[in-house]
PDB file of N, CA and C in Angstrom:
ATOM      1  N   MET A   1      11.306   9.433  -4.214  1.00  0.00           N
ATOM      2  CA  MET A   1      11.076   8.067  -3.971  1.00  0.00           C
ATOM      3  C   MET A   1      10.238   7.139  -4.689  1.00  0.00           C
ATOM      4  N   ALA A   2       9.283   7.614  -5.179  1.00  0.00           N
ATOM      5  CA  ALA A   2       8.354   6.612  -6.128  1.00  0.00           C
ATOM      6  C   ALA A   2       8.976   6.231  -7.604  1.00  0.00           C
ATOM      7  N   GLN A   3      10.140   7.260  -7.690  1.00  0.00           N
ATOM      8  CA  GLN A   3      11.018   6.848  -9.182  1.00  0.00           C
ATOM      9  C   GLN A   3      12.128   5.679  -8.697  1.00  0.00           C
ATOM     10  N   GLN A   4      12.489   6.081  -7.466  1.00  0.00           N
ATOM     11  CA  GLN A   4      13.236   4.801  -6.928  1.00  0.00           C
ATOM     12  C   GLN A   4      12.305   3.249  -6.771  1.00  0.00           C
ATOM     13  N   ILE A   5      11.236   3.234  -6.386  1.00  0.00           N
ATOM     14  CA  ILE A   5      10.463   2.368  -6.482  1.00  0.00           C
ATOM     15  C   ILE A   5      10.132   1.642  -7.814  1.00  0.00           C
ATOM     16  N   VAL A   6       9.475   2.691  -8.594  1.00  0.00           N
ATOM     17  CA  VAL A   6       9.595   1.902 -10.077  1.00  0.00           C
ATOM     18  C   VAL A   6      10.770   1.361 -10.741  1.00  0.00           C
ATOM     19  N   SER A   7      11.914   2.215 -10.794  1.00  0.00           N
ATOM     20  CA  SER A   7      13.368   1.564 -11.122  1.00  0.00           C
ATOM     21  C   SER A   7      13.844   0.173 -10.765  1.00  0.00           C
ATOM     22  N   ALA A   8      13.423   0.406  -9.435  1.00  0.00           N
ATOM     23  CA  ALA A   8      13.847  -1.009  -8.439  1.00  0.00           C
ATOM     24  C   ALA A   8      12.721  -2.410  -9.051  1.00  0.00           C
ATOM     25  N   VAL A   9      11.900  -1.932  -9.293  1.00  0.00           N
ATOM     26  CA  VAL A   9      10.753  -3.131  -9.529  1.00  0.00           C
ATOM     27  C   VAL A   9      11.021  -3.438 -10.998  1.00  0.00           C
ATOM     28  N   LEU A  10      10.779  -2.291 -11.632  1.00  0.00           N
ATOM     29  CA  LEU A  10      11.171  -2.537 -13.041  1.00  0.00           C
ATOM     30  C   LEU A  10      12.517  -3.187 -13.639  1.00  0.00           C
ATOM     31  N   ALA A  11      13.254  -3.168 -12.851  1.00  0.00           N
ATOM     32  CA  ALA A  11      14.602  -3.731 -13.009  1.00  0.00           C
ATOM     33  C   ALA A  11      14.335  -5.415 -12.805  1.00  0.00           C
ATOM     34  N   GLU A  12      13.752  -5.510 -11.537  1.00  0.00           N
ATOM     35  CA  GLU A  12      13.650  -7.083 -11.154  1.00  0.00           C
ATOM     36  C   GLU A  12      12.790  -7.504 -12.318  1.00  0.00           C
ATOM     37  N   VAL A  13      11.154  -6.957 -12.711  1.00  0.00           N
ATOM     38  CA  VAL A  13      10.620  -7.557 -13.641  1.00  0.00           C
ATOM     39  C   VAL A  13      10.975  -7.742 -14.804  1.00  0.00           C
ATOM     40  N   ASP A  14      12.357  -7.060 -15.573  1.00  0.00           N
ATOM     41  CA  ASP A  14      13.240  -7.426 -16.337  1.00  0.00           C
ATOM     42  C   ASP A  14      14.306  -8.741 -16.320  1.00  0.00           C
ATOM     43  N   ARG A  15      14.813  -8.347 -14.886  1.00  0.00           N
ATOM     44  CA  ARG A  15      15.658  -9.893 -14.760  1.00  0.00           C
ATOM     45  C   ARG A  15      14.847 -10.927 -14.410  1.00  0.00           C
ATOM     46  N   ARG A  16      13.804 -11.333 -14.211  1.00  0.00           N
ATOM     47  CA  ARG A  16      12.786 -12.215 -13.650  1.00  0.00           C
ATOM     48  C   ARG A  16      11.750 -12.683 -15.251  1.00  0.00           C
ATOM     49  N   ALA A  17      11.899 -11.810 -15.872  1.00  0.00           N
ATOM     50  CA  ALA A  17      11.045 -11.591 -17.346  1.00  0.00           C
ATOM     51  C   ALA A  17       9.652 -11.968 -16.872  1.00  0.00           C
ATOM     52  N   SER A  18       8.938 -10.949 -16.067  1.00  0.00           N
ATOM     53  CA  SER A  18       7.838 -11.030 -15.609  1.00  0.00           C
ATOM     54  C   SER A  18       6.987 -10.045 -16.499  1.00  0.00           C
ATOM     55  N   SER A  19       5.530 -10.490 -17.027  1.00  0.00           N
ATOM     56  CA  SER A  19       4.872 -10.033 -17.427  1.00  0.00           C
ATOM     57  C   SER A  19       3.970  -8.648 -16.572  1.00  0.00           C
ATOM     58  N   GLY A  20       4.217  -8.903 -15.291  1.00  0.00           N
ATOM     59  CA  GLY A  20       3.296  -8.041 -14.778  1.00  0.00           C
ATOM     60  C   GLY A  20       3.374  -7.856 -13.407  1.00  0.00           C
ATOM     61  N   VAL A  21       3.102  -7.098 -12.526  1.00  0.00           N
ATOM     62  CA  VAL A  21       3.347  -7.058 -10.969  1.00  0.00           C
ATOM     63  C   VAL A  21       1.965  -6.492 -10.524  1.00  0.00           C
ATOM     64  N   ARG A  22       1.579  -7.345  -9.470  1.00  0.00           N
ATOM     65  CA  ARG A  22      -0.010  -7.616  -8.926  1.00  0.00           C
ATOM     66  C   ARG A  22       0.239  -6.405  -7.720  1.00  0.00           C
ATOM     67  N   SER A  23       1.322  -6.439  -6.789  1.00  0.00           N
ATOM     68  CA  SER A  23       1.482  -5.179  -6.208  1.00  0.00           C
ATOM     69  C   SER A  23       3.001  -5.200  -5.465  1.00  0.00           C
ATOM     70  N   ILE A  24       2.984  -4.381  -4.820  1.00  0.00           N
ATOM     71  CA  ILE A  24       4.283  -3.713  -4.337  1.00  0.00           C
ATOM     72  C   ILE A  24       4.111  -3.048  -2.997  1.00  0.00           C
ATOM     73  N   GLU A  25       4.878  -3.892  -1.781  1.00  0.00           N
ATOM     74  CA  GLU A  25       5.158  -3.395  -0.116  1.00  0.00           C
ATOM     75  C   GLU A  25       6.480  -2.917  -0.452  1.00  0.00           C
ATOM     76  N   VAL A  26       6.268  -1.437   0.221  1.00  0.00           N
ATOM     77  CA  VAL A  26       7.418  -0.745   0.643  1.00  0.00           C
ATOM     78  C   VAL A  26       7.142   0.219   2.069  1.00  0.00           C
ATOM     79  N   GLU A  27       8.621   0.343   2.627  1.00  0.00           N
ATOM     80  CA  GLU A  27       8.881   0.609   3.940  1.00  0.00           C
ATOM     81  C   GLU A  27       9.367   1.882   3.541  1.00  0.00           C
ATOM     82  N   VAL A  28       8.726   2.789   4.515  1.00  0.00           N
ATOM     83  CA  VAL A  28       9.049   4.521   4.226  1.00  0.00           C
ATOM     84  C   VAL A  28       9.385   5.175   5.568  1.00  0.00           C
ATOM     85  N   GLY A  29      10.662   5.713   5.798  1.00  0.00           N
ATOM     86  CA  GLY A  29      10.932   5.616   7.340  1.00  0.00           C
ATOM     87  C   GLY A  29      10.203   7.366   7.095  1.00  0.00           C
ATOM     88  N   GLU A  30       9.648   7.628   8.768  1.00  0.00           N
ATOM     89  CA  GLU A  30       8.756   8.610   8.958  1.00  0.00           C
ATOM     90  C   GLU A  30       9.469   9.538   9.165  1.00  0.00           C
ATOM     91  N   LEU A  31      11.010   9.640   9.285  1.00  0.00           N
ATOM     92  CA  LEU A  31      11.874  11.234   8.962  1.00  0.00           C
ATOM     93  C   LEU A  31      12.109  11.607   7.603  1.00  0.00           C
ATOM     94  N   GLU A  32      11.727  10.754   6.741  1.00  0.00           N
ATOM     95  CA  GLU A  32      11.424  11.218   5.694  1.00  0.00           C
ATOM     96  C   GLU A  32      10.152  12.542   5.074  1.00  0.00           C
ATOM     97  N   GLY A  33       9.428  12.392   5.799  1.00  0.00           N
ATOM     98  CA  GLY A  33       8.508  13.147   5.888  1.00  0.00           C
ATOM     99  C   GLY A  33       7.222  13.209   4.852  1.00  0.00           C
ATOM    100  N   LEU A  34       7.057  11.987   4.441  1.00  0.00           N
ATOM    101  CA  LEU A  34       6.415  11.198   3.276  1.00  0.00           C
ATOM    102  C   LEU A  34       5.056  10.921   3.671  1.00  0.00           C
ATOM    103  N   LEU A  35       3.830  11.567   3.469  1.00  0.00           N
ATOM    104  CA  LEU A  35       2.627  11.056   3.440  1.00  0.00           C
ATOM    105  C   LEU A  35       2.444   9.742   3.044  1.00  0.00           C
ATOM    106  N   GLU A  36       1.522   9.091   3.043  1.00  0.00           N
ATOM    107  CA  GLU A  36       1.277   8.025   2.344  1.00  0.00           C
ATOM    108  C   GLU A  36       0.567   7.751   1.226  1.00  0.00           C
ATOM    109  N   GLU A  37      -0.437   9.095   1.138  1.00  0.00           N
ATOM    110  CA  GLU A  37      -1.184   9.257  -0.274  1.00  0.00           C
ATOM    111  C   GLU A  37      -0.377  10.545  -1.419  1.00  0.00           C
ATOM    112  N   THR A  38       0.671  10.629  -0.660  1.00  0.00           N
ATOM    113  CA  THR A  38       1.394  11.637  -1.411  1.00  0.00           C
ATOM    114  C   THR A  38       2.331  10.368  -2.283  1.00  0.00           C
ATOM    115  N   LEU A  39       2.995   9.493  -1.706  1.00  0.00           N
ATOM    116  CA  LEU A  39       3.899   8.667  -2.032  1.00  0.00           C
ATOM    117  C   LEU A  39       2.918   7.605  -3.375  1.00  0.00           C
ATOM    118  N   ARG A  40       1.865   7.470  -2.813  1.00  0.00           N
ATOM    119  CA  ARG A  40       0.784   6.537  -4.091  1.00  0.00           C
ATOM    120  C   ARG A  40       0.399   7.456  -5.080  1.00  0.00           C
ATOM    121  N   HIS A  41       0.178   8.632  -4.889  1.00  0.00           N
ATOM    122  CA  HIS A  41       0.089   9.475  -6.114  1.00  0.00           C
ATOM    123  C   HIS A  41       1.406   9.830  -7.207  1.00  0.00           C
ATOM    124  N   ALA A  42       2.439  10.056  -6.555  1.00  0.00           N
ATOM    125  CA  ALA A  42       3.563  10.151  -7.491  1.00  0.00           C
ATOM    126  C   ALA A  42       3.786   8.646  -7.928  1.00  0.00           C
ATOM    127  N   PHE A  43       4.109   7.530  -7.397  1.00  0.00           N
ATOM    128  CA  PHE A  43       3.745   6.610  -7.557  1.00  0.00           C
ATOM    129  C   PHE A  43       3.023   6.561  -8.912  1.00  0.00           C
ATOM    130  N   ARG A  44       1.487   6.207  -8.722  1.00  0.00           N
ATOM    131  CA  ARG A  44       0.563   6.479 -10.090  1.00  0.00           C
ATOM    132  C   ARG A  44       1.089   6.899 -11.262  1.00  0.00           C
ATOM    133  N   VAL A  45       1.815   8.031 -11.058  1.00  0.00           N
ATOM    134  CA  VAL A  45       2.360   8.915 -12.152  1.00  0.00           C
ATOM    135  C   VAL A  45       3.535   8.489 -12.826  1.00  0.00           C
ATOM    136  N   VAL A  46       4.451   8.237 -12.057  1.00  0.00           N
ATOM    137  CA  VAL A  46       5.678   7.826 -12.495  1.00  0.00           C
ATOM    138  C   VAL A  46       5.307   6.306 -13.015  1.00  0.00           C
ATOM    139  N   ALA A  47       4.742   5.397 -12.355  1.00  0.00           N
ATOM    140  CA  ALA A  47       4.319   3.979 -12.855  1.00  0.00           C
ATOM    141  C   ALA A  47       3.692   3.952 -14.172  1.00  0.00           C
ATOM    142  N   ALA A  48       2.551   5.288 -14.874  1.00  0.00           N
ATOM    143  CA  ALA A  48       1.961   5.273 -15.777  1.00  0.00           C
ATOM    144  C   ALA A  48       2.528   4.808 -17.300  1.00  0.00           C
ATOM    145  N   GLY A  49       1.786   3.619 -18.196  1.00  0.00           N
ATOM    146  CA  GLY A  49       2.253   3.572 -19.011  1.00  0.00           C
ATOM    147  C   GLY A  49       3.780   2.454 -19.147  1.00  0.00           C
ATOM    148  N   THR A  50       3.764   2.177 -17.684  1.00  0.00           N
ATOM    149  CA  THR A  50       4.414   0.639 -17.362  1.00  0.00           C
ATOM    150  C   THR A  50       3.745  -0.385 -17.143  1.00  0.00           C
ATOM    151  N   VAL A  51       4.648  -1.599 -16.817  1.00  0.00           N
ATOM    152  CA  VAL A  51       3.989  -2.405 -16.652  1.00  0.00           C
ATOM    153  C   VAL A  51       3.202  -2.492 -15.263  1.00  0.00           C
ATOM    154  N   LEU A  52       4.011  -1.435 -14.287  1.00  0.00           N
ATOM    155  CA  LEU A  52       2.951  -1.306 -13.027  1.00  0.00           C
ATOM    156  C   LEU A  52       1.938  -0.408 -13.013  1.00  0.00           C
ATOM    157  N   GLU A  53       1.518  -0.007 -13.960  1.00  0.00           N
ATOM    158  CA  GLU A  53       0.381   1.524 -13.874  1.00  0.00           C
ATOM    159  C   GLU A  53      -1.156   0.547 -13.115  1.00  0.00           C
ATOM    160  N   GLU A  54      -1.227  -0.703 -13.314  1.00  0.00           N
ATOM    161  CA  GLU A  54      -2.137  -1.436 -12.432  1.00  0.00           C
ATOM    162  C   GLU A  54      -1.856  -2.027 -11.153  1.00  0.00           C
ATOM    163  N   THR A  55      -0.535  -2.018 -10.646  1.00  0.00           N
ATOM    164  CA  THR A  55      -0.226  -2.250  -9.355  1.00  0.00           C
ATOM    165  C   THR A  55      -0.431  -1.829  -8.189  1.00  0.00           C
ATOM    166  N   ASP A  56      -1.187  -2.148  -7.188  1.00  0.00           N
ATOM    167  CA  ASP A  56      -1.363  -2.144  -5.807  1.00  0.00           C
ATOM    168  C   ASP A  56      -0.162  -1.557  -4.879  1.00  0.00           C
ATOM    169  N   LEU A  57       0.094  -0.488  -4.591  1.00  0.00           N
ATOM    170  CA  LEU A  57       1.161   0.243  -3.806  1.00  0.00           C
ATOM    171  C   LEU A  57       0.575   0.152  -2.359  1.00  0.00           C
ATOM    172  N   HIS A  58       1.302  -0.582  -1.099  1.00  0.00           N
ATOM    173  CA  HIS A  58       0.995  -0.594  -0.089  1.00  0.00           C
ATOM    174  C   HIS A  58       2.027  -0.234   0.616  1.00  0.00           C
ATOM    175  N   VAL A  59       2.038   0.938   1.568  1.00  0.00           N
ATOM    176  CA  VAL A  59       3.223   1.465   1.996  1.00  0.00           C
ATOM    177  C   VAL A  59       3.235   1.586   3.818  1.00  0.00           C
ATOM    178  N   ARG A  60       4.107   1.153   4.335  1.00  0.00           N
ATOM    179  CA  ARG A  60       4.078   1.150   5.590  1.00  0.00           C
ATOM    180  C   ARG A  60       5.279   2.199   6.134  1.00  0.00           C
ATOM    181  N   ILE A  61       4.635   2.936   7.370  1.00  0.00           N
ATOM    182  CA  ILE A  61       5.196   4.334   7.381  1.00  0.00           C
ATOM    183  C   ILE A  61       6.465   3.585   8.611  1.00  0.00           C
ATOM    184  N   VAL A  62       7.829   3.480   8.615  1.00  0.00           N
ATOM    185  CA  VAL A  62       8.489   3.071   9.829  1.00  0.00           C
ATOM    186  C   VAL A  62       8.773   4.120  11.067  1.00  0.00           C
ATOM    187  N   PRO A  63       8.091   4.160  12.106  1.00  0.00           N
ATOM    188  CA  PRO A  63       8.166   5.146  12.974  1.00  0.00           C
ATOM    189  C   PRO A  63      10.008   5.145  13.664  1.00  0.00           C
ATOM    190  N   ALA A  64      10.260   6.632  13.705  1.00  0.00           N
ATOM    191  CA  ALA A  64      11.896   6.885  14.231  1.00  0.00           C
ATOM    192  C   ALA A  64      11.653   6.348  16.194  1.00  0.00           C
ATOM    193  N   VAL A  65      12.950   6.070  16.620  1.00  0.00           N
ATOM    194  CA  VAL A  65      12.714   6.023  17.852  1.00  0.00           C
ATOM    195  C   VAL A  65      13.647   7.463  18.072  1.00  0.00           C
ATOM    196  N   ALA A  66      13.029   8.160  19.033  1.00  0.00           N
ATOM    197  CA  ALA A  66      14.147   9.284  20.031  1.00  0.00           C
ATOM    198  C   ALA A  66      14.951   8.694  21.149  1.00  0.00           C
ATOM    199  N   HIS A  67      16.011   8.627  21.426  1.00  0.00           N
ATOM    200  CA  HIS A  67      16.548   8.366  22.566  1.00  0.00           C
ATOM    201  C   HIS A  67      17.348   9.497  23.155  1.00  0.00           C
ATOM    202  N   CYS A  68      17.028   9.749  24.417  1.00  0.00           N
ATOM    203  CA  CYS A  68      17.827  10.616  25.176  1.00  0.00           C
ATOM    204  C   CYS A  68      19.072  10.281  25.824  1.00  0.00           C
ATOM    205  N   LEU A  69      20.480  10.799  25.078  1.00  0.00           N
ATOM    206  CA  LEU A  69      21.908   9.596  25.570  1.00  0.00           C
ATOM    207  C   LEU A  69      22.084  10.512  27.299  1.00  0.00           C
ATOM    208  N   ALA A  70      21.551  11.626  27.794  1.00  0.00           N
ATOM    209  CA  ALA A  70      21.402  11.632  29.190  1.00  0.00           C
ATOM    210  C   ALA A  70      20.762  10.533  29.921  1.00  0.00           C
ATOM    211  N   CYS A  71      19.735  10.655  29.609  1.00  0.00           N
ATOM    212  CA  CYS A  71      18.610  10.003  30.661  1.00  0.00           C
ATOM    213  C   CYS A  71      18.758   8.240  30.115  1.00  0.00           C
ATOM    214  N   ASP A  72      19.260   7.790  28.912  1.00  0.00           N
ATOM    215  CA  ASP A  72      19.760   6.888  28.558  1.00  0.00           C
ATOM    216  C   ASP A  72      18.379   5.865  28.408  1.00  0.00           C
ATOM    217  N   SER A  73      17.631   6.332  27.749  1.00  0.00           N
ATOM    218  CA  SER A  73      15.925   5.719  27.607  1.00  0.00           C
ATOM    219  C   SER A  73      15.207   6.394  26.141  1.00  0.00           C
ATOM    220  N   PRO A  74      14.501   5.846  25.879  1.00  0.00           N
ATOM    221  CA  PRO A  74      13.626   6.306  24.627  1.00  0.00           C
ATOM    222  C   PRO A  74      12.719   7.216  24.978  1.00  0.00           C
ATOM    223  N   LYS A  75      12.591   8.428  24.119  1.00  0.00           N
ATOM    224  CA  LYS A  75      11.824   9.181  24.701  1.00  0.00           C
ATOM    225  C   LYS A  75      10.501   9.387  23.448  1.00  0.00           C
ATOM    226  N   PRO A  76       9.287   9.700  23.748  1.00  0.00           N
ATOM    227  CA  PRO A  76       8.305  10.217  22.586  1.00  0.00           C
ATOM    228  C   PRO A  76       8.282  11.288  22.278  1.00  0.00           C
ATOM    229  N   PHE A  77       7.581  11.233  20.679  1.00  0.00           N
ATOM    230  CA  PHE A  77       8.488  12.400  19.844  1.00  0.00           C
ATOM    231  C   PHE A  77       7.017  12.293  18.637  1.00  0.00           C
ATOM    232  N   ARG A  78       7.091  13.266  17.961  1.00  0.00           N
ATOM    233  CA  ARG A  78       5.817  13.003  16.632  1.00  0.00           C
ATOM    234  C   ARG A  78       6.993  13.912  15.626  1.00  0.00           C
ATOM    235  N   VAL A  79       6.254  13.607  14.257  1.00  0.00           N
ATOM    236  CA  VAL A  79       7.294  14.601  13.032  1.00  0.00           C
ATOM    237  C   VAL A  79       6.289  14.621  12.238  1.00  0.00           C
ATOM    238  N   ALA A  80       5.948  16.185  12.100  1.00  0.00           N
ATOM    239  CA  ALA A  80       4.898  16.435  10.847  1.00  0.00           C
ATOM    240  C   ALA A  80       5.564  16.176   9.838  1.00  0.00           C
ATOM    241  N   PRO A  81       4.577  15.667   8.909  1.00  0.00           N
ATOM    242  CA  PRO A  81       5.050  15.376   7.437  1.00  0.00           C
ATOM    243  C   PRO A  81       5.621  16.950   6.776  1.00  0.00           C
ATOM    244  N   SER A  82       6.583  17.333   6.006  1.00  0.00           N
ATOM    245  CA  SER A  82       7.001  18.006   5.217  1.00  0.00           C
ATOM    246  C   SER A  82       7.894  17.779   4.514  1.00  0.00           C
ATOM    247  N   ASN A  83       8.383  18.663   3.238  1.00  0.00           N
ATOM    248  CA  ASN A  83       9.492  18.292   2.142  1.00  0.00           C
ATOM    249  C   ASN A  83      10.466  19.107   2.875  1.00  0.00           C
ATOM    250  N   ASP A  84      10.677  19.251   4.438  1.00  0.00           N
ATOM    251  CA  ASP A  84      12.266  19.739   4.596  1.00  0.00           C
ATOM    252  C   ASP A  84      12.852  18.308   5.261  1.00  0.00           C
ATOM    253  N   HIS A  85      13.872  17.364   4.756  1.00  0.00           N
ATOM    254  CA  HIS A  85      14.553  16.256   4.853  1.00  0.00           C
ATOM    255  C   HIS A  85      15.609  16.397   6.112  1.00  0.00           C
ATOM    256  N   ARG A  86      15.941  17.752   6.888  1.00  0.00           N
ATOM    257  CA  ARG A  86      16.613  17.738   7.480  1.00  0.00           C
ATOM    258  C   ARG A  86      15.744  16.539   8.816  1.00  0.00           C
ATOM    259  N   LEU A  87      16.921  16.519   9.928  1.00  0.00           N
ATOM    260  CA  LEU A  87      16.273  15.668  11.107  1.00  0.00           C
ATOM    261  C   LEU A  87      15.673  17.140  11.886  1.00  0.00           C
ATOM    262  N   PRO A  88      14.372  16.291  12.664  1.00  0.00           N
ATOM    263  CA  PRO A  88      13.682  17.732  13.068  1.00  0.00           C
ATOM    264  C   PRO A  88      14.916  17.762  14.537  1.00  0.00           C
ATOM    265  N   LYS A  89      14.891  19.120  15.182  1.00  0.00           N
ATOM    266  CA  LYS A  89      15.258  19.307  16.685  1.00  0.00           C
ATOM    267  C   LYS A  89      14.344  19.166  17.697  1.00  0.00           C
ATOM    268  N   ALA A  90      15.227  18.127  18.520  1.00  0.00           N
ATOM    269  CA  ALA A  90      14.103  17.564  19.428  1.00  0.00           C
ATOM    270  C   ALA A  90      14.925  17.575  20.960  1.00  0.00           C
ATOM    271  N   SER A  91      14.023  17.954  22.019  1.00  0.00           N
ATOM    272  CA  SER A  91      14.719  17.969  23.113  1.00  0.00           C
ATOM    273  C   SER A  91      14.210  16.886  24.124  1.00  0.00           C
ATOM    274  N   CYS A  92      14.847  16.200  25.127  1.00  0.00           N
ATOM    275  CA  CYS A  92      14.185  15.624  25.838  1.00  0.00           C
ATOM    276  C   CYS A  92      12.999  15.820  27.156  1.00  0.00           C
ATOM    277  N   PRO A  93      12.108  15.356  27.075  1.00  0.00           N
ATOM    278  CA  PRO A  93      11.146  16.346  27.939  1.00  0.00           C
ATOM    279  C   PRO A  93      11.302  16.183  29.571  1.00  0.00           C
ATOM    280  N   ASP A  94      12.432  15.428  29.793  1.00  0.00           N
ATOM    281  CA  ASP A  94      12.696  15.064  31.257  1.00  0.00           C
ATOM    282  C   ASP A  94      13.821  15.965  31.793  1.00  0.00           C
ATOM    283  N   CYS A  95      14.817  15.967  30.567  1.00  0.00           N
ATOM    284  CA  CYS A  95      16.253  16.301  31.299  1.00  0.00           C
ATOM    285  C   CYS A  95      16.347  17.731  30.287  1.00  0.00           C
ATOM    286  N   GLY A  96      15.787  17.644  29.242  1.00  0.00           N
ATOM    287  CA  GLY A  96      16.195  18.739  28.083  1.00  0.00           C
ATOM    288  C   GLY A  96      17.267  19.025  27.579  1.00  0.00           C
ATOM    289  N   ALA A  97      18.001  17.623  27.130  1.00  0.00           N
ATOM    290  CA  ALA A  97      19.173  17.215  26.192  1.00  0.00           C
ATOM    291  C   ALA A  97      18.623  17.292  24.975  1.00  0.00           C
ATOM    292  N   ASP A  98      19.487  17.057  24.423  1.00  0.00           N
ATOM    293  CA  ASP A  98      19.054  16.704  22.358  1.00  0.00           C
ATOM    294  C   ASP A  98      18.557  15.346  22.470  1.00  0.00           C
ATOM    295  N   LEU A  99      17.836  14.906  21.345  1.00  0.00           N
ATOM    296  CA  LEU A  99      17.253  13.590  21.528  1.00  0.00           C
ATOM    297  C   LEU A  99      18.091  13.017  19.948  1.00  0.00           C
ATOM    298  N   GLU A 100      18.824  11.958  20.205  1.00  0.00           N
ATOM    299  CA  GLU A 100      19.197  11.375  18.954  1.00  0.00           C
ATOM    300  C   GLU A 100      18.276  10.417  18.322  1.00  0.00           C
ATOM    301  N   PHE A 101      18.179  10.766  17.106  1.00  0.00           N
ATOM    302  CA  PHE A 101      17.253   9.927  16.326  1.00  0.00           C
ATOM    303  C   PHE A 101      18.058   8.427  16.079  1.00  0.00           C
ATOM    304  N   ARG A 102      16.697   7.288  16.143  1.00  0.00           N
ATOM    305  CA  ARG A 102      17.332   6.097  15.486  1.00  0.00           C
ATOM    306  C   ARG A 102      16.265   5.417  14.568  1.00  0.00           C
ATOM    307  N   GLY A 103      16.742   4.907  13.697  1.00  0.00           N
ATOM    308  CA  GLY A 103      15.906   4.685  12.337  1.00  0.00           C
ATOM    309  C   GLY A 103      14.980   5.388  12.224  1.00  0.00           C
ATOM    310  N   GLY A 104      13.571   5.065  10.969  1.00  0.00           N
ATOM    311  CA  GLY A 104      13.239   5.975  10.962  1.00  0.00           C
ATOM    312  C   GLY A 104      13.599   6.719   9.156  1.00  0.00           C
ATOM    313  N   ARG A 105      14.207   6.481   8.662  1.00  0.00           N
ATOM    314  CA  ARG A 105      14.831   6.741   7.587  1.00  0.00           C
ATOM    315  C   ARG A 105      14.910   5.824   6.423  1.00  0.00           C
ATOM    316  N   GLY A 106      14.824   6.522   5.105  1.00  0.00           N
ATOM    317  CA  GLY A 106      15.064   5.395   3.934  1.00  0.00           C
ATOM    318  C   GLY A 106      13.514   5.025   3.384  1.00  0.00           C
ATOM    319  N   LEU A 107      13.832   4.318   2.834  1.00  0.00           N
ATOM    320  CA  LEU A 107      13.175   3.363   1.589  1.00  0.00           C
ATOM    321  C   LEU A 107      13.259   1.992   1.282  1.00  0.00           C
ATOM    322  N   VAL A 108      12.619   1.019   1.476  1.00  0.00           N
ATOM    323  CA  VAL A 108      12.984  -0.206   1.202  1.00  0.00           C
ATOM    324  C   VAL A 108      11.608  -1.094   0.438  1.00  0.00           C
ATOM    325  N   VAL A 109      11.639  -1.548  -0.676  1.00  0.00           N
ATOM    326  CA  VAL A 109      10.838  -2.028  -1.179  1.00  0.00           C
ATOM    327  C   VAL A 109      11.296  -3.947  -0.424  1.00  0.00           C
ATOM    328  N   ARG A 110       9.864  -3.920   0.398  1.00  0.00           N
ATOM    329  CA  ARG A 110      10.082  -5.289   0.870  1.00  0.00           C
ATOM    330  C   ARG A 110       9.664  -6.391  -0.240  1.00  0.00           C
ATOM    331  N   ARG A 111       8.619  -6.621  -1.212  1.00  0.00           N
ATOM    332  CA  ARG A 111       8.020  -7.462  -1.495  1.00  0.00           C
ATOM    333  C   ARG A 111       7.455  -6.664  -3.020  1.00  0.00           C
ATOM    334  N   ALA A 112       7.624  -7.675  -4.173  1.00  0.00           N
ATOM    335  CA  ALA A 112       6.681  -7.459  -5.234  1.00  0.00           C
ATOM    336  C   ALA A 112       6.210  -8.407  -5.856  1.00  0.00           C
ATOM    337  N   THR A 113       4.667  -8.513  -5.968  1.00  0.00           N
ATOM    338  CA  THR A 113       4.323 -10.166  -6.222  1.00  0.00           C
ATOM    339  C   THR A 113       3.965 -10.105  -7.999  1.00  0.00           C
ATOM    340  N   MET A 114       4.993 -10.985  -8.535  1.00  0.00           N
ATOM    341  CA  MET A 114       5.137 -10.695  -9.590  1.00  0.00           C
ATOM    342  C   MET A 114       3.944 -11.581 -10.449  1.00  0.00           C
ATOM    343  N   VAL A 115       3.997 -11.634 -11.597  1.00  0.00           N
ATOM    344  CA  VAL A 115       3.139 -12.394 -12.660  1.00  0.00           C
ATOM    345  C   VAL A 115       4.106 -13.048 -13.807  1.00  0.00           C
ATOM    346  N   LEU A 116       4.267 -14.587 -13.403  1.00  0.00           N
ATOM    347  CA  LEU A 116       5.548 -14.805 -13.955  1.00  0.00           C
ATOM    348  C   LEU A 116       4.961 -16.127 -15.164  1.00  0.00           C
ATOM    349  N   GLU A 117       5.529 -16.344 -16.107  1.00  0.00           N
ATOM    350  CA  GLU A 117       4.874 -17.260 -17.318  1.00  0.00           C
ATOM    351  C   GLU A 117       5.295 -18.792 -16.713  1.00  0.00           C
ATOM    352  N   ASP A 118       4.885 -19.668 -16.984  1.00  0.00           N
ATOM    353  CA  ASP A 118       4.920 -21.055 -16.535  1.00  0.00           C
ATOM    354  C   ASP A 118       6.033 -21.393 -18.026  1.00  0.00           C
ATOM    355  N   PRO A 119       6.885 -22.398 -17.495  1.00  0.00           N
ATOM    356  CA  PRO A 119       7.954 -22.618 -18.649  1.00  0.00           C
ATOM    357  C   PRO A 119       7.172 -23.926 -19.417  1.00  0.00           C
TER     358      PRO A 119
END
């Protein structure tokens, strides 16, 4: 995911002829199983030697929602961070039916604050 962030932002840096990037804001789904600090560390490694080397990375973890189709209502659950990207198995605490997960997947670069030269 760090490589995806760096690639996407560097492409935009080239497109806009930017001389640097001050900060990047990303959203990562909770079901991706990443810890914020792990992503920050990977970003620093991948960004080293690029114009992103000194860039601040702001990470927001987007929660997933578990929904019980039998009860037709959202249910609480927790996802432990792991390297296993399969959806966790979870059962409704009220009726025991399988829960369906909605949202909480993927990565979105929301904003990159770039340094642009005045014409």
